[in-house]
PDB file of N, CA and C in Angstrom:
ATOM      1  N   MET A   1      50.721  35.703 109.002  1.00  0.00           N
ATOM      2  CA  MET A   1      50.913  37.197 109.191  1.00  0.00           C
ATOM      3  C   MET A   1      49.723  37.721 108.802  1.00  0.00           C
ATOM      4  N   THR A   2      49.046  38.565 109.415  1.00  0.00           N
ATOM      5  CA  THR A   2      47.851  39.384 108.998  1.00  0.00           C
ATOM      6  C   THR A   2      48.031  40.819 109.119  1.00  0.00           C
ATOM      7  N   VAL A   3      47.577  41.727 108.281  1.00  0.00           N
ATOM      8  CA  VAL A   3      47.709  42.739 108.029  1.00  0.00           C
ATOM      9  C   VAL A   3      46.558  43.758 107.933  1.00  0.00           C
ATOM     10  N   ASP A   4      46.404  44.775 108.345  1.00  0.00           N
ATOM     11  CA  ASP A   4      45.336  45.396 108.305  1.00  0.00           C
ATOM     12  C   ASP A   4      44.651  46.245 106.715  1.00  0.00           C
ATOM     13  N   LYS A   5      45.547  46.066 105.799  1.00  0.00           N
ATOM     14  CA  LYS A   5      45.064  46.559 104.486  1.00  0.00           C
ATOM     15  C   LYS A   5      45.689  45.573 103.305  1.00  0.00           C
ATOM     16  N   GLN A   6      44.981  45.594 102.269  1.00  0.00           N
ATOM     17  CA  GLN A   6      45.232  44.629 101.507  1.00  0.00           C
ATOM     18  C   GLN A   6      46.799  44.612 100.653  1.00  0.00           C
ATOM     19  N   LEU A   7      47.269  43.510 100.538  1.00  0.00           N
ATOM     20  CA  LEU A   7      48.524  43.563  99.774  1.00  0.00           C
ATOM     21  C   LEU A   7      48.462  43.047  98.428  1.00  0.00           C
ATOM     22  N   GLU A   8      49.388  43.545  97.803  1.00  0.00           N
ATOM     23  CA  GLU A   8      49.546  43.241  96.553  1.00  0.00           C
ATOM     24  C   GLU A   8      50.012  41.938  96.310  1.00  0.00           C
ATOM     25  N   PRO A   9      49.002  41.024  95.716  1.00  0.00           N
ATOM     26  CA  PRO A   9      49.527  39.564  95.774  1.00  0.00           C
ATOM     27  C   PRO A   9      50.947  39.236  94.825  1.00  0.00           C
ATOM     28  N   GLN A  10      51.055  39.949  93.856  1.00  0.00           N
ATOM     29  CA  GLN A  10      52.442  39.704  93.013  1.00  0.00           C
ATOM     30  C   GLN A  10      53.542  39.906  93.816  1.00  0.00           C
ATOM     31  N   SER A  11      53.423  40.918  94.936  1.00  0.00           N
ATOM     32  CA  SER A  11      54.583  41.230  95.676  1.00  0.00           C
ATOM     33  C   SER A  11      55.067  40.196  96.834  1.00  0.00           C
ATOM     34  N   ILE A  12      54.042  38.914  96.823  1.00  0.00           N
ATOM     35  CA  ILE A  12      53.967  38.223  98.115  1.00  0.00           C
ATOM     36  C   ILE A  12      54.964  36.976  97.306  1.00  0.00           C
ATOM     37  N   SER A  13      56.316  36.955  98.140  1.00  0.00           N
ATOM     38  CA  SER A  13      56.949  35.689  98.006  1.00  0.00           C
ATOM     39  C   SER A  13      57.978  34.984  99.056  1.00  0.00           C
ATOM     40  N   HIS A  14      58.555  34.505  98.956  1.00  0.00           N
ATOM     41  CA  HIS A  14      59.619  33.621 100.059  1.00  0.00           C
ATOM     42  C   HIS A  14      60.540  35.118 100.435  1.00  0.00           C
ATOM     43  N   ASP A  15      61.053  35.739  99.398  1.00  0.00           N
ATOM     44  CA  ASP A  15      61.831  36.760  99.343  1.00  0.00           C
ATOM     45  C   ASP A  15      61.416  37.980 100.188  1.00  0.00           C
ATOM     46  N   GLY A  16      60.474  38.079 100.535  1.00  0.00           N
ATOM     47  CA  GLY A  16      59.618  39.104 101.519  1.00  0.00           C
ATOM     48  C   GLY A  16      59.695  39.151 102.567  1.00  0.00           C
ATOM     49  N   PHE A  17      60.303  37.669 103.180  1.00  0.00           N
ATOM     50  CA  PHE A  17      60.380  37.124 104.528  1.00  0.00           C
ATOM     51  C   PHE A  17      61.712  37.008 104.968  1.00  0.00           C
ATOM     52  N   ARG A  18      61.792  36.691 106.252  1.00  0.00           N
ATOM     53  CA  ARG A  18      63.425  36.560 106.654  1.00  0.00           C
ATOM     54  C   ARG A  18      63.339  35.998 108.337  1.00  0.00           C
ATOM     55  N   VAL A  19      63.524  34.983 108.368  1.00  0.00           N
ATOM     56  CA  VAL A  19      63.076  34.144 109.648  1.00  0.00           C
ATOM     57  C   VAL A  19      64.826  33.678 110.431  1.00  0.00           C
ATOM     58  N   SER A  20      64.929  33.887 111.223  1.00  0.00           N
ATOM     59  CA  SER A  20      66.356  33.212 112.011  1.00  0.00           C
ATOM     60  C   SER A  20      65.617  32.558 113.545  1.00  0.00           C
ATOM     61  N   ARG A  21      66.666  31.754 114.025  1.00  0.00           N
ATOM     62  CA  ARG A  21      66.212  31.418 115.260  1.00  0.00           C
ATOM     63  C   ARG A  21      67.576  31.230 116.061  1.00  0.00           C
ATOM     64  N   LEU A  22      67.400  31.541 117.280  1.00  0.00           N
ATOM     65  CA  LEU A  22      68.720  31.576 118.154  1.00  0.00           C
ATOM     66  C   LEU A  22      68.811  30.115 118.684  1.00  0.00           C
ATOM     67  N   GLU A  23      69.670  29.631 118.144  1.00  0.00           N
ATOM     68  CA  GLU A  23      70.100  28.400 118.594  1.00  0.00           C
ATOM     69  C   GLU A  23      71.596  28.247 118.346  1.00  0.00           C
ATOM     70  N   GLY A  24      72.105  28.618 119.549  1.00  0.00           N
ATOM     71  CA  GLY A  24      73.913  28.579 119.690  1.00  0.00           C
ATOM     72  C   GLY A  24      74.413  29.799 118.603  1.00  0.00           C
ATOM     73  N   GLY A  25      73.681  30.939 118.643  1.00  0.00           N
ATOM     74  CA  GLY A  25      73.932  31.758 117.817  1.00  0.00           C
ATOM     75  C   GLY A  25      72.624  31.736 116.807  1.00  0.00           C
ATOM     76  N   TRP A  26      72.529  33.130 116.092  1.00  0.00           N
ATOM     77  CA  TRP A  26      71.319  33.067 115.177  1.00  0.00           C
ATOM     78  C   TRP A  26      71.876  32.321 113.736  1.00  0.00           C
ATOM     79  N   GLU A  27      70.776  31.779 113.511  1.00  0.00           N
ATOM     80  CA  GLU A  27      70.800  30.555 112.393  1.00  0.00           C
ATOM     81  C   GLU A  27      69.430  31.130 111.515  1.00  0.00           C
ATOM     82  N   PRO A  28      70.078  31.538 109.785  1.00  0.00           N
ATOM     83  CA  PRO A  28      68.871  31.871 109.301  1.00  0.00           C
ATOM     84  C   PRO A  28      68.140  30.444 108.569  1.00  0.00           C
ATOM     85  N   LEU A  29      66.903  30.788 109.127  1.00  0.00           N
ATOM     86  CA  LEU A  29      65.907  29.795 108.368  1.00  0.00           C
ATOM     87  C   LEU A  29      65.075  29.996 106.711  1.00  0.00           C
ATOM     88  N   LYS A  30      65.340  29.028 106.517  1.00  0.00           N
ATOM     89  CA  LYS A  30      64.912  29.361 104.636  1.00  0.00           C
ATOM     90  C   LYS A  30      63.367  29.196 104.635  1.00  0.00           C
ATOM     91  N   VAL A  31      62.986  30.326 103.909  1.00  0.00           N
ATOM     92  CA  VAL A  31      61.464  30.323 103.871  1.00  0.00           C
ATOM     93  C   VAL A  31      60.944  29.577 102.483  1.00  0.00           C
ATOM     94  N   ARG A  32      60.420  28.638 102.732  1.00  0.00           N
ATOM     95  CA  ARG A  32      59.791  27.707 101.718  1.00  0.00           C
ATOM     96  C   ARG A  32      58.777  28.140 100.201  1.00  0.00           C
ATOM     97  N   SER A  33      57.880  28.776 101.404  1.00  0.00           N
ATOM     98  CA  SER A  33      56.548  29.563 100.513  1.00  0.00           C
ATOM     99  C   SER A  33      56.117  30.881 101.402  1.00  0.00           C
ATOM    100  N   ALA A  34      55.480  31.756 100.715  1.00  0.00           N
ATOM    101  CA  ALA A  34      54.357  32.492 101.433  1.00  0.00           C
ATOM    102  C   ALA A  34      53.404  32.798 100.676  1.00  0.00           C
ATOM    103  N   THR A  35      52.122  32.238 100.798  1.00  0.00           N
ATOM    104  CA  THR A  35      51.169  32.275 100.303  1.00  0.00           C
ATOM    105  C   THR A  35      49.940  33.253 100.698  1.00  0.00           C
ATOM    106  N   PRO A  36      49.599  34.122  99.820  1.00  0.00           N
ATOM    107  CA  PRO A  36      48.172  35.147 100.439  1.00  0.00           C
ATOM    108  C   PRO A  36      46.903  34.425 100.233  1.00  0.00           C
ATOM    109  N   ALA A  37      46.377  34.930 101.204  1.00  0.00           N
ATOM    110  CA  ALA A  37      44.694  34.366 101.573  1.00  0.00           C
ATOM    111  C   ALA A  37      43.905  35.080 100.297  1.00  0.00           C
ATOM    112  N   ALA A  38      43.022  34.464 100.344  1.00  0.00           N
ATOM    113  CA  ALA A  38      41.681  35.268  99.340  1.00  0.00           C
ATOM    114  C   ALA A  38      41.615  36.617  99.577  1.00  0.00           C
ATOM    115  N   ASP A  39      41.323  37.234 100.817  1.00  0.00           N
ATOM    116  CA  ASP A  39      41.052  38.308 101.094  1.00  0.00           C
ATOM    117  C   ASP A  39      42.294  39.166 101.357  1.00  0.00           C
ATOM    118  N   GLY A  40      43.447  39.066 100.727  1.00  0.00           N
ATOM    119  CA  GLY A  40      44.394  39.888 100.800  1.00  0.00           C
ATOM    120  C   GLY A  40      44.984  40.421 102.248  1.00  0.00           C
ATOM    121  N   LEU A  41      44.225  39.984 103.170  1.00  0.00           N
ATOM    122  CA  LEU A  41      45.119  40.296 104.398  1.00  0.00           C
ATOM    123  C   LEU A  41      45.612  39.619 105.363  1.00  0.00           C
ATOM    124  N   SER A  42      46.037  38.602 104.739  1.00  0.00           N
ATOM    125  CA  SER A  42      46.938  37.614 105.530  1.00  0.00           C
ATOM    126  C   SER A  42      47.810  36.809 104.466  1.00  0.00           C
ATOM    127  N   VAL A  43      48.514  36.199 105.154  1.00  0.00           N
ATOM    128  CA  VAL A  43      49.890  35.816 104.503  1.00  0.00           C
ATOM    129  C   VAL A  43      50.293  34.121 105.355  1.00  0.00           C
ATOM    130  N   VAL A  44      50.306  32.921 104.722  1.00  0.00           N
ATOM    131  CA  VAL A  44      50.850  32.031 105.639  1.00  0.00           C
ATOM    132  C   VAL A  44      52.159  31.669 105.150  1.00  0.00           C
ATOM    133  N   VAL A  45      53.138  31.674 106.265  1.00  0.00           N
ATOM    134  CA  VAL A  45      54.721  31.639 105.243  1.00  0.00           C
ATOM    135  C   VAL A  45      55.021  30.002 106.159  1.00  0.00           C
ATOM    136  N   LEU A  46      55.457  29.336 105.216  1.00  0.00           N
ATOM    137  CA  LEU A  46      56.102  28.057 105.801  1.00  0.00           C
ATOM    138  C   LEU A  46      57.723  27.964 105.654  1.00  0.00           C
ATOM    139  N   LEU A  47      58.185  27.207 106.621  1.00  0.00           N
ATOM    140  CA  LEU A  47      59.692  26.926 106.377  1.00  0.00           C
ATOM    141  C   LEU A  47      59.904  25.646 105.912  1.00  0.00           C
ATOM    142  N   THR A  48      61.545  25.608 105.665  1.00  0.00           N
ATOM    143  CA  THR A  48      62.217  24.359 104.920  1.00  0.00           C
ATOM    144  C   THR A  48      62.079  23.072 106.124  1.00  0.00           C
ATOM    145  N   LYS A  49      62.361  23.909 107.540  1.00  0.00           N
ATOM    146  CA  LYS A  49      62.436  22.998 108.413  1.00  0.00           C
ATOM    147  C   LYS A  49      61.906  23.308 109.634  1.00  0.00           C
ATOM    148  N   ASP A  50      61.253  22.477 110.503  1.00  0.00           N
ATOM    149  CA  ASP A  50      60.627  22.988 112.008  1.00  0.00           C
ATOM    150  C   ASP A  50      61.691  23.746 112.864  1.00  0.00           C
ATOM    151  N   PRO A  51      61.338  24.772 113.410  1.00  0.00           N
ATOM    152  CA  PRO A  51      62.257  25.834 114.380  1.00  0.00           C
ATOM    153  C   PRO A  51      62.450  25.113 115.657  1.00  0.00           C
ATOM    154  N   GLY A  52      61.797  24.273 115.712  1.00  0.00           N
ATOM    155  CA  GLY A  52      61.517  23.900 117.329  1.00  0.00           C
ATOM    156  C   GLY A  52      61.060  25.003 118.435  1.00  0.00           C
ATOM    157  N   ALA A  53      61.522  24.777 119.593  1.00  0.00           N
ATOM    158  CA  ALA A  53      61.200  25.969 120.336  1.00  0.00           C
ATOM    159  C   ALA A  53      62.057  26.722 120.783  1.00  0.00           C
ATOM    160  N   SER A  54      62.931  27.461 119.792  1.00  0.00           N
ATOM    161  CA  SER A  54      63.771  28.331 119.676  1.00  0.00           C
ATOM    162  C   SER A  54      63.046  29.530 119.952  1.00  0.00           C
ATOM    163  N   LEU A  55      63.956  30.582 120.387  1.00  0.00           N
ATOM    164  CA  LEU A  55      63.608  32.267 119.904  1.00  0.00           C
ATOM    165  C   LEU A  55      63.333  32.289 118.440  1.00  0.00           C
ATOM    166  N   LEU A  56      62.351  33.121 117.901  1.00  0.00           N
ATOM    167  CA  LEU A  56      62.497  33.005 116.638  1.00  0.00           C
ATOM    168  C   LEU A  56      62.497  34.538 116.417  1.00  0.00           C
ATOM    169  N   ARG A  57      62.970  34.933 115.252  1.00  0.00           N
ATOM    170  CA  ARG A  57      62.918  36.253 114.715  1.00  0.00           C
ATOM    171  C   ARG A  57      62.451  36.468 113.278  1.00  0.00           C
ATOM    172  N   PHE A  58      61.132  37.021 113.220  1.00  0.00           N
ATOM    173  CA  PHE A  58      60.521  37.026 111.778  1.00  0.00           C
ATOM    174  C   PHE A  58      60.514  38.743 111.755  1.00  0.00           C
ATOM    175  N   VAL A  59      60.694  38.475 110.115  1.00  0.00           N
ATOM    176  CA  VAL A  59      60.746  40.015 109.566  1.00  0.00           C
ATOM    177  C   VAL A  59      60.217  39.872 108.130  1.00  0.00           C
ATOM    178  N   ALA A  60      59.090  40.875 108.132  1.00  0.00           N
ATOM    179  CA  ALA A  60      58.149  40.862 106.706  1.00  0.00           C
ATOM    180  C   ALA A  60      58.805  42.406 106.369  1.00  0.00           C
ATOM    181  N   ARG A  61      59.159  42.328 105.068  1.00  0.00           N
ATOM    182  CA  ARG A  61      60.117  43.308 104.595  1.00  0.00           C
ATOM    183  C   ARG A  61      59.599  44.252 103.767  1.00  0.00           C
ATOM    184  N   GLY A  62      59.362  45.747 104.015  1.00  0.00           N
ATOM    185  CA  GLY A  62      58.988  46.456 103.339  1.00  0.00           C
ATOM    186  C   GLY A  62      59.784  47.772 102.643  1.00  0.00           C
ATOM    187  N   THR A  63      61.252  47.044 103.037  1.00  0.00           N
ATOM    188  CA  THR A  63      62.266  47.740 102.358  1.00  0.00           C
ATOM    189  C   THR A  63      63.164  47.122 101.614  1.00  0.00           C
ATOM    190  N   GLY A  64      64.106  47.182 101.157  1.00  0.00           N
ATOM    191  CA  GLY A  64      64.951  46.345 100.102  1.00  0.00           C
ATOM    192  C   GLY A  64      64.492  46.113  98.715  1.00  0.00           C
ATOM    193  N   GLN A  65      65.254  45.282  98.049  1.00  0.00           N
ATOM    194  CA  GLN A  65      64.825  44.963  96.548  1.00  0.00           C
ATOM    195  C   GLN A  65      63.706  44.230  96.339  1.00  0.00           C
ATOM    196  N   THR A  66      63.011  43.289  97.233  1.00  0.00           N
ATOM    197  CA  THR A  66      61.856  42.682  97.148  1.00  0.00           C
ATOM    198  C   THR A  66      60.624  43.312  98.129  1.00  0.00           C
ATOM    199  N   PRO A  67      60.456  44.218  98.858  1.00  0.00           N
ATOM    200  CA  PRO A  67      58.954  44.670  99.530  1.00  0.00           C
ATOM    201  C   PRO A  67      57.909  44.047  99.544  1.00  0.00           C
ATOM    202  N   LEU A  68      57.410  43.939 100.132  1.00  0.00           N
ATOM    203  CA  LEU A  68      55.693  43.668 100.453  1.00  0.00           C
ATOM    204  C   LEU A  68      55.214  45.082  99.981  1.00  0.00           C
ATOM    205  N   LEU A  69      54.251  44.723  98.999  1.00  0.00           N
ATOM    206  CA  LEU A  69      53.170  45.990  98.598  1.00  0.00           C
ATOM    207  C   LEU A  69      51.897  46.046  98.972  1.00  0.00           C
ATOM    208  N   GLY A  70      51.459  46.959  99.383  1.00  0.00           N
ATOM    209  CA  GLY A  70      50.278  47.397  99.691  1.00  0.00           C
ATOM    210  C   GLY A  70      49.130  46.969  98.003  1.00  0.00           C
ATOM    211  N   ALA A  71      48.005  47.085  98.045  1.00  0.00           N
ATOM    212  CA  ALA A  71      47.308  46.787  96.763  1.00  0.00           C
ATOM    213  C   ALA A  71      47.443  48.247  96.340  1.00  0.00           C
ATOM    214  N   ASP A  72      47.832  48.913  96.644  1.00  0.00           N
ATOM    215  CA  ASP A  72      47.837  50.561  96.310  1.00  0.00           C
ATOM    216  C   ASP A  72      49.345  50.485  95.759  1.00  0.00           C
ATOM    217  N   HIS A  73      50.215  49.437  95.680  1.00  0.00           N
ATOM    218  CA  HIS A  73      51.532  49.777  95.432  1.00  0.00           C
ATOM    219  C   HIS A  73      52.500  50.537  95.800  1.00  0.00           C
ATOM    220  N   VAL A  74      51.967  50.832  97.309  1.00  0.00           N
ATOM    221  CA  VAL A  74      53.067  51.535  98.380  1.00  0.00           C
ATOM    222  C   VAL A  74      53.808  50.676  99.036  1.00  0.00           C
ATOM    223  N   PRO A  75      54.871  50.899  99.313  1.00  0.00           N
ATOM    224  CA  PRO A  75      55.641  49.443 100.146  1.00  0.00           C
ATOM    225  C   PRO A  75      54.759  49.200 101.682  1.00  0.00           C
ATOM    226  N   PHE A  76      54.839  48.105 102.118  1.00  0.00           N
ATOM    227  CA  PHE A  76      54.627  47.858 103.033  1.00  0.00           C
ATOM    228  C   PHE A  76      54.858  48.551 104.467  1.00  0.00           C
ATOM    229  N   ALA A  77      54.200  49.425 105.075  1.00  0.00           N
ATOM    230  CA  ALA A  77      54.366  50.114 106.103  1.00  0.00           C
ATOM    231  C   ALA A  77      55.104  49.546 107.568  1.00  0.00           C
ATOM    232  N   GLY A  78      55.355  48.083 107.588  1.00  0.00           N
ATOM    233  CA  GLY A  78      55.674  47.409 109.089  1.00  0.00           C
ATOM    234  C   GLY A  78      54.641  47.583 109.770  1.00  0.00           C
ATOM    235  N   GLY A  79      54.673  47.564 111.363  1.00  0.00           N
ATOM    236  CA  GLY A  79      53.778  47.363 112.385  1.00  0.00           C
ATOM    237  C   GLY A  79      53.096  48.355 112.571  1.00  0.00           C
ATOM    238  N   ALA A  80      52.293  48.339 113.362  1.00  0.00           N
ATOM    239  CA  ALA A  80      50.815  49.452 113.610  1.00  0.00           C
ATOM    240  C   ALA A  80      51.537  50.547 114.356  1.00  0.00           C
ATOM    241  N   ASP A  81      52.670  50.712 114.861  1.00  0.00           N
ATOM    242  CA  ASP A  81      53.403  51.634 115.532  1.00  0.00           C
ATOM    243  C   ASP A  81      54.649  52.089 115.097  1.00  0.00           C
ATOM    244  N   SER A  82      54.450  51.552 113.586  1.00  0.00           N
ATOM    245  CA  SER A  82      55.551  52.066 112.475  1.00  0.00           C
ATOM    246  C   SER A  82      55.494  53.242 112.012  1.00  0.00           C
ATOM    247  N   PRO A  83      56.328  54.096 111.220  1.00  0.00           N
ATOM    248  CA  PRO A  83      55.945  55.408 110.493  1.00  0.00           C
ATOM    249  C   PRO A  83      55.218  55.115 109.503  1.00  0.00           C
ATOM    250  N   PRO A  84      54.300  55.864 108.490  1.00  0.00           N
ATOM    251  CA  PRO A  84      53.680  55.704 107.474  1.00  0.00           C
ATOM    252  C   PRO A  84      55.360  55.479 106.252  1.00  0.00           C
ATOM    253  N   SER A  85      54.582  54.322 105.492  1.00  0.00           N
ATOM    254  CA  SER A  85      55.714  54.159 104.447  1.00  0.00           C
ATOM    255  C   SER A  85      55.276  55.409 103.324  1.00  0.00           C
ATOM    256  N   GLY A  86      56.517  55.754 102.456  1.00  0.00           N
ATOM    257  CA  GLY A  86      56.321  56.460 101.259  1.00  0.00           C
ATOM    258  C   GLY A  86      56.202  56.125 100.325  1.00  0.00           C
ATOM    259  N   ALA A  87      56.098  56.533  99.082  1.00  0.00           N
ATOM    260  CA  ALA A  87      55.940  56.241  97.824  1.00  0.00           C
ATOM    261  C   ALA A  87      57.213  55.388  97.168  1.00  0.00           C
ATOM    262  N   ASP A  88      58.509  55.223  97.949  1.00  0.00           N
ATOM    263  CA  ASP A  88      59.242  54.481  97.328  1.00  0.00           C
ATOM    264  C   ASP A  88      59.888  53.691  98.579  1.00  0.00           C
ATOM    265  N   ASP A  89      59.822  53.693  99.584  1.00  0.00           N
ATOM    266  CA  ASP A  89      60.077  52.855 100.568  1.00  0.00           C
ATOM    267  C   ASP A  89      59.376  52.782 101.692  1.00  0.00           C
ATOM    268  N   GLY A  90      59.039  51.347 102.492  1.00  0.00           N
ATOM    269  CA  GLY A  90      58.174  51.070 103.533  1.00  0.00           C
ATOM    270  C   GLY A  90      59.143  50.859 104.978  1.00  0.00           C
ATOM    271  N   ASN A  91      58.763  50.138 105.760  1.00  0.00           N
ATOM    272  CA  ASN A  91      59.152  49.724 106.857  1.00  0.00           C
ATOM    273  C   ASN A  91      59.157  48.221 107.118  1.00  0.00           C
ATOM    274  N   ASP A  92      60.017  47.670 107.612  1.00  0.00           N
ATOM    275  CA  ASP A  92      60.248  46.553 108.212  1.00  0.00           C
ATOM    276  C   ASP A  92      59.098  45.786 108.924  1.00  0.00           C
ATOM    277  N   TYR A  93      58.534  44.622 109.051  1.00  0.00           N
ATOM    278  CA  TYR A  93      58.070  44.587 110.297  1.00  0.00           C
ATOM    279  C   TYR A  93      58.587  43.572 111.155  1.00  0.00           C
ATOM    280  N   VAL A  94      59.163  43.571 112.244  1.00  0.00           N
ATOM    281  CA  VAL A  94      59.985  42.443 113.070  1.00  0.00           C
ATOM    282  C   VAL A  94      59.296  42.214 114.423  1.00  0.00           C
ATOM    283  N   HIS A  95      59.380  40.837 114.490  1.00  0.00           N
ATOM    284  CA  HIS A  95      58.455  40.090 115.834  1.00  0.00           C
ATOM    285  C   HIS A  95      59.228  39.050 116.200  1.00  0.00           C
ATOM    286  N   MET A  96      59.633  39.157 117.544  1.00  0.00           N
ATOM    287  CA  MET A  96      60.358  37.601 118.006  1.00  0.00           C
ATOM    288  C   MET A  96      59.085  37.407 118.987  1.00  0.00           C
ATOM    289  N   PHE A  97      59.414  36.061 118.900  1.00  0.00           N
ATOM    290  CA  PHE A  97      58.435  35.143 119.429  1.00  0.00           C
ATOM    291  C   PHE A  97      59.291  33.359 119.737  1.00  0.00           C
ATOM    292  N   THR A  98      58.738  32.904 120.457  1.00  0.00           N
ATOM    293  CA  THR A  98      59.355  31.256 121.009  1.00  0.00           C
ATOM    294  C   THR A  98      57.946  30.178 120.359  1.00  0.00           C
TER     295      THR A  98
END
């Protein structure tokens, strides 16, 4: 995942992401790790198992108990077309792909 503003490295963990695959119904996949790049502008998210060629739903959380934060400690605002985040709550980024 690549972002346009630096993230707070301490806010990046597997809890900030959710991944599911459509395989006979939605099946949540466990996130093994989420590792920030040195530039603070990207995160590598690894899953505990190969999702195969299924339809995937990827969520990066700017809401909830463990949101991603920007370097300025403002919650993650979501995608480029999402409204701005506030001081206390952000927006989730959701992307579906195969």
